[in-house]
Amino acid sequence: MPTFVILGNLTEEAVKKISEEGKRQKNAYDLAKSLGCEIKALYYTMGKYDWIGIVEAPDNETALKGLLQLGAGGAARTRTMLAFPAEDFAKMTAEL
């Protein structure tokens, strides 16, 4: 399954209701599961981004659907990168 690195920021609305963050986390895990995705890791960070997630999804379209649903909730804005395991990258570049 493709792996995605998601960089997220809490919206102003989310910060105003920060005590609800645990509930939003649970909802994100439930949404991922309902789409056949898995949140492999979730970290809250200091700096340019408020959190980072590592997610596996069946395909790009499913990942996008989940991200759109997450964004529609109004609590997060995201930037997403498709990630390749180092071993796969080594195989790809060895063929060049």
N, C-alpha and C. Protein backbone atom coordinates (compact mmCIF):
# COMPACT_ATOMS: atom_id res chain seq x y z
N MET A 1 0.85 -1.19 0.00
CA MET A 1 0.00 0.00 0.00
C MET A 1 0.89 1.24 0.00
N PRO A 2 0.50 2.27 -0.73
CA PRO A 2 1.27 3.51 -0.71
C PRO A 2 1.30 4.13 0.69
N THR A 3 2.41 4.78 0.98
CA THR A 3 2.58 5.46 2.26
C THR A 3 2.59 6.96 2.02
N PHE A 4 1.93 7.69 2.90
CA PHE A 4 1.84 9.14 2.78
C PHE A 4 2.33 9.79 4.07
N VAL A 5 3.11 10.85 3.91
CA VAL A 5 3.52 11.68 5.03
C VAL A 5 2.62 12.92 4.97
N ILE A 6 1.90 13.15 6.05
CA ILE A 6 0.94 14.26 6.08
C ILE A 6 1.41 15.26 7.12
N LEU A 7 1.65 16.48 6.67
CA LEU A 7 2.01 17.57 7.56
C LEU A 7 0.75 18.37 7.81
N GLY A 8 0.41 18.59 9.07
CA GLY A 8 -0.86 19.24 9.37
C GLY A 8 -0.74 20.43 10.28
N ASN A 9 -1.67 21.34 10.09
CA ASN A 9 -1.80 22.49 10.98
C ASN A 9 -3.23 22.52 11.49
N LEU A 10 -3.35 22.84 12.77
CA LEU A 10 -4.67 23.04 13.35
C LEU A 10 -5.20 24.39 12.88
N THR A 11 -6.48 24.45 12.55
CA THR A 11 -7.08 25.72 12.16
C THR A 11 -7.34 26.55 13.42
N GLU A 12 -7.65 27.80 13.23
CA GLU A 12 -7.99 28.67 14.36
C GLU A 12 -9.18 28.10 15.13
N GLU A 13 -10.15 27.56 14.38
CA GLU A 13 -11.32 26.93 15.00
C GLU A 13 -10.90 25.77 15.90
N ALA A 14 -9.97 24.96 15.45
CA ALA A 14 -9.51 23.81 16.24
C ALA A 14 -8.77 24.26 17.49
N VAL A 15 -7.97 25.30 17.37
CA VAL A 15 -7.22 25.79 18.52
C VAL A 15 -8.18 26.33 19.59
N LYS A 16 -9.24 26.99 19.15
CA LYS A 16 -10.22 27.51 20.11
C LYS A 16 -10.90 26.39 20.89
N LYS A 17 -10.95 25.20 20.31
CA LYS A 17 -11.56 24.03 20.95
C LYS A 17 -10.52 22.93 21.15
N ILE A 18 -9.34 23.32 21.62
CA ILE A 18 -8.22 22.38 21.72
C ILE A 18 -8.53 21.21 22.64
N SER A 19 -9.41 21.40 23.60
CA SER A 19 -9.75 20.31 24.52
C SER A 19 -10.46 19.16 23.80
N GLU A 20 -10.91 19.39 22.58
CA GLU A 20 -11.58 18.35 21.79
C GLU A 20 -10.61 17.58 20.89
N GLU A 21 -9.32 17.85 21.01
CA GLU A 21 -8.34 17.23 20.11
C GLU A 21 -8.33 15.71 20.22
N GLY A 22 -8.49 15.18 21.43
CA GLY A 22 -8.54 13.73 21.59
C GLY A 22 -9.69 13.12 20.81
N LYS A 23 -10.83 13.77 20.82
CA LYS A 23 -11.99 13.30 20.06
C LYS A 23 -11.71 13.38 18.56
N ARG A 24 -11.06 14.46 18.14
CA ARG A 24 -10.73 14.58 16.70
C ARG A 24 -9.75 13.50 16.28
N GLN A 25 -8.80 13.16 17.17
CA GLN A 25 -7.87 12.07 16.86
C GLN A 25 -8.62 10.76 16.63
N LYS A 26 -9.51 10.45 17.55
CA LYS A 26 -10.29 9.21 17.42
C LYS A 26 -11.08 9.21 16.12
N ASN A 27 -11.69 10.34 15.78
CA ASN A 27 -12.45 10.44 14.53
C ASN A 27 -11.55 10.21 13.32
N ALA A 28 -10.31 10.71 13.37
CA ALA A 28 -9.37 10.52 12.25
C ALA A 28 -9.01 9.05 12.10
N TYR A 29 -8.76 8.38 13.22
CA TYR A 29 -8.44 6.94 13.16
C TYR A 29 -9.64 6.15 12.64
N ASP A 30 -10.84 6.52 13.08
CA ASP A 30 -12.06 5.84 12.61
C ASP A 30 -12.27 6.07 11.12
N LEU A 31 -12.05 7.31 10.66
CA LEU A 31 -12.19 7.62 9.23
C LEU A 31 -11.20 6.80 8.42
N ALA A 32 -9.95 6.78 8.86
CA ALA A 32 -8.93 6.01 8.13
C ALA A 32 -9.34 4.54 8.03
N LYS A 33 -9.75 3.97 9.14
CA LYS A 33 -10.14 2.56 9.14
C LYS A 33 -11.32 2.31 8.19
N SER A 34 -12.29 3.21 8.18
CA SER A 34 -13.47 3.03 7.32
C SER A 34 -13.12 3.06 5.85
N LEU A 35 -11.99 3.69 5.51
CA LEU A 35 -11.55 3.78 4.11
C LEU A 35 -10.53 2.71 3.75
N GLY A 36 -10.19 1.86 4.71
CA GLY A 36 -9.18 0.84 4.45
C GLY A 36 -7.77 1.36 4.58
N CYS A 37 -7.61 2.48 5.29
CA CYS A 37 -6.30 3.08 5.51
C CYS A 37 -5.85 2.76 6.93
N GLU A 38 -4.57 3.01 7.20
CA GLU A 38 -4.06 2.83 8.55
C GLU A 38 -3.14 3.98 8.90
N ILE A 39 -3.43 4.64 10.02
CA ILE A 39 -2.53 5.66 10.54
C ILE A 39 -1.43 4.92 11.28
N LYS A 40 -0.23 4.92 10.71
CA LYS A 40 0.88 4.18 11.29
C LYS A 40 1.51 4.95 12.45
N ALA A 41 1.50 6.28 12.36
CA ALA A 41 2.07 7.11 13.42
C ALA A 41 1.43 8.49 13.35
N LEU A 42 1.29 9.11 14.51
CA LEU A 42 0.79 10.47 14.62
C LEU A 42 1.58 11.16 15.72
N TYR A 43 2.21 12.27 15.37
CA TYR A 43 3.02 13.03 16.32
C TYR A 43 2.58 14.49 16.28
N TYR A 44 2.55 15.10 17.44
CA TYR A 44 2.34 16.55 17.52
C TYR A 44 3.71 17.19 17.59
N THR A 45 3.88 18.30 16.88
CA THR A 45 5.20 18.89 16.71
C THR A 45 5.19 20.37 17.05
N MET A 46 6.37 20.91 17.24
CA MET A 46 6.55 22.34 17.45
C MET A 46 7.27 22.87 16.23
N GLY A 47 6.84 24.00 15.74
CA GLY A 47 7.47 24.58 14.56
C GLY A 47 6.44 24.93 13.52
N LYS A 48 6.81 24.78 12.26
CA LYS A 48 5.94 25.18 11.16
C LYS A 48 4.64 24.38 11.10
N TYR A 49 4.69 23.11 11.51
CA TYR A 49 3.51 22.25 11.47
C TYR A 49 3.14 21.84 12.88
N ASP A 50 1.86 21.64 13.10
CA ASP A 50 1.35 21.25 14.42
C ASP A 50 1.37 19.75 14.63
N TRP A 51 1.30 18.98 13.55
CA TRP A 51 1.33 17.52 13.67
C TRP A 51 1.82 16.91 12.37
N ILE A 52 2.26 15.66 12.49
CA ILE A 52 2.69 14.89 11.32
C ILE A 52 2.10 13.49 11.45
N GLY A 53 1.58 13.00 10.35
CA GLY A 53 1.01 11.66 10.33
C GLY A 53 1.67 10.81 9.24
N ILE A 54 1.81 9.54 9.52
CA ILE A 54 2.28 8.58 8.53
C ILE A 54 1.11 7.63 8.31
N VAL A 55 0.63 7.59 7.07
CA VAL A 55 -0.60 6.86 6.75
C VAL A 55 -0.38 5.94 5.56
N GLU A 56 -0.89 4.73 5.65
CA GLU A 56 -0.92 3.83 4.50
C GLU A 56 -2.35 3.80 3.98
N ALA A 57 -2.48 3.85 2.66
CA ALA A 57 -3.79 3.83 2.01
C ALA A 57 -3.75 2.85 0.85
N PRO A 58 -4.90 2.31 0.49
CA PRO A 58 -4.93 1.36 -0.63
C PRO A 58 -4.44 1.97 -1.94
N ASP A 59 -4.69 3.27 -2.14
CA ASP A 59 -4.30 3.93 -3.38
C ASP A 59 -4.39 5.45 -3.18
N ASN A 60 -3.91 6.20 -4.17
CA ASN A 60 -3.91 7.66 -4.10
C ASN A 60 -5.32 8.23 -3.95
N GLU A 61 -6.26 7.67 -4.68
CA GLU A 61 -7.63 8.19 -4.66
C GLU A 61 -8.25 8.05 -3.27
N THR A 62 -8.01 6.94 -2.62
CA THR A 62 -8.55 6.73 -1.28
C THR A 62 -7.90 7.70 -0.30
N ALA A 63 -6.61 7.91 -0.43
CA ALA A 63 -5.91 8.86 0.44
C ALA A 63 -6.50 10.26 0.26
N LEU A 64 -6.71 10.65 -0.98
CA LEU A 64 -7.27 11.97 -1.26
C LEU A 64 -8.67 12.11 -0.67
N LYS A 65 -9.47 11.09 -0.82
CA LYS A 65 -10.83 11.11 -0.27
C LYS A 65 -10.78 11.34 1.24
N GLY A 66 -9.90 10.63 1.92
CA GLY A 66 -9.77 10.79 3.37
C GLY A 66 -9.30 12.18 3.74
N LEU A 67 -8.32 12.71 3.01
CA LEU A 67 -7.82 14.04 3.30
C LEU A 67 -8.89 15.11 3.07
N LEU A 68 -9.69 14.93 2.04
CA LEU A 68 -10.77 15.89 1.79
C LEU A 68 -11.81 15.84 2.90
N GLN A 69 -12.13 14.64 3.37
CA GLN A 69 -13.08 14.52 4.47
C GLN A 69 -12.50 15.12 5.75
N LEU A 70 -11.22 14.90 5.99
CA LEU A 70 -10.57 15.47 7.16
C LEU A 70 -10.62 17.00 7.09
N GLY A 71 -10.27 17.55 5.95
CA GLY A 71 -10.29 19.01 5.77
C GLY A 71 -11.67 19.60 5.88
N ALA A 72 -12.67 18.87 5.41
CA ALA A 72 -14.05 19.37 5.47
C ALA A 72 -14.54 19.52 6.90
N GLY A 73 -13.90 18.80 7.84
CA GLY A 73 -14.26 18.93 9.25
C GLY A 73 -13.89 20.28 9.83
N GLY A 74 -13.01 21.01 9.16
CA GLY A 74 -12.68 22.36 9.55
C GLY A 74 -11.61 22.50 10.62
N ALA A 75 -11.01 21.40 11.07
CA ALA A 75 -10.03 21.48 12.16
C ALA A 75 -8.58 21.40 11.69
N ALA A 76 -8.35 21.04 10.43
CA ALA A 76 -6.97 20.84 9.98
C ALA A 76 -6.80 21.26 8.52
N ARG A 77 -5.60 21.72 8.24
CA ARG A 77 -5.15 21.98 6.87
C ARG A 77 -3.90 21.14 6.69
N THR A 78 -3.79 20.49 5.54
CA THR A 78 -2.70 19.53 5.37
C THR A 78 -1.87 19.77 4.11
N ARG A 79 -0.66 19.23 4.16
CA ARG A 79 0.22 19.09 2.99
C ARG A 79 0.64 17.63 3.01
N THR A 80 0.58 17.01 1.85
CA THR A 80 0.79 15.57 1.80
C THR A 80 1.86 15.21 0.79
N MET A 81 2.67 14.23 1.17
CA MET A 81 3.73 13.74 0.30
C MET A 81 3.61 12.23 0.19
N LEU A 82 3.76 11.71 -1.02
CA LEU A 82 3.83 10.27 -1.25
C LEU A 82 5.25 9.84 -0.89
N ALA A 83 5.35 8.81 -0.05
CA ALA A 83 6.67 8.37 0.43
C ALA A 83 6.99 6.98 -0.10
N PHE A 84 8.25 6.75 -0.43
CA PHE A 84 8.72 5.46 -0.91
C PHE A 84 9.66 4.86 0.12
N PRO A 85 9.50 3.60 0.48
CA PRO A 85 10.45 2.97 1.39
C PRO A 85 11.86 3.01 0.79
N ALA A 86 12.85 3.17 1.64
CA ALA A 86 14.24 3.29 1.17
C ALA A 86 14.66 2.09 0.33
N GLU A 87 14.19 0.88 0.73
CA GLU A 87 14.58 -0.32 -0.02
C GLU A 87 14.03 -0.27 -1.45
N ASP A 88 12.79 0.19 -1.59
CA ASP A 88 12.18 0.29 -2.92
C ASP A 88 12.91 1.33 -3.76
N PHE A 89 13.28 2.43 -3.13
CA PHE A 89 14.00 3.49 -3.86
C PHE A 89 15.34 2.98 -4.34
N ALA A 90 16.03 2.22 -3.49
CA ALA A 90 17.33 1.66 -3.88
C ALA A 90 17.18 0.73 -5.09
N LYS A 91 16.13 -0.09 -5.09
CA LYS A 91 15.89 -0.98 -6.23
C LYS A 91 15.62 -0.18 -7.50
N MET A 92 14.79 0.86 -7.40
CA MET A 92 14.45 1.68 -8.56
C MET A 92 15.69 2.35 -9.13
N THR A 93 16.52 2.91 -8.27
CA THR A 93 17.69 3.64 -8.76
C THR A 93 18.78 2.68 -9.26
N ALA A 94 18.81 1.47 -8.76
CA ALA A 94 19.79 0.50 -9.24
C ALA A 94 19.53 0.11 -10.69
N GLU A 95 18.30 0.30 -11.12
CA GLU A 95 17.93 -0.06 -12.49
C GLU A 95 18.23 1.04 -13.49
N LEU A 96 18.70 2.17 -13.04
CA LEU A 96 18.97 3.30 -13.94
C LEU A 96 20.31 3.16 -14.63
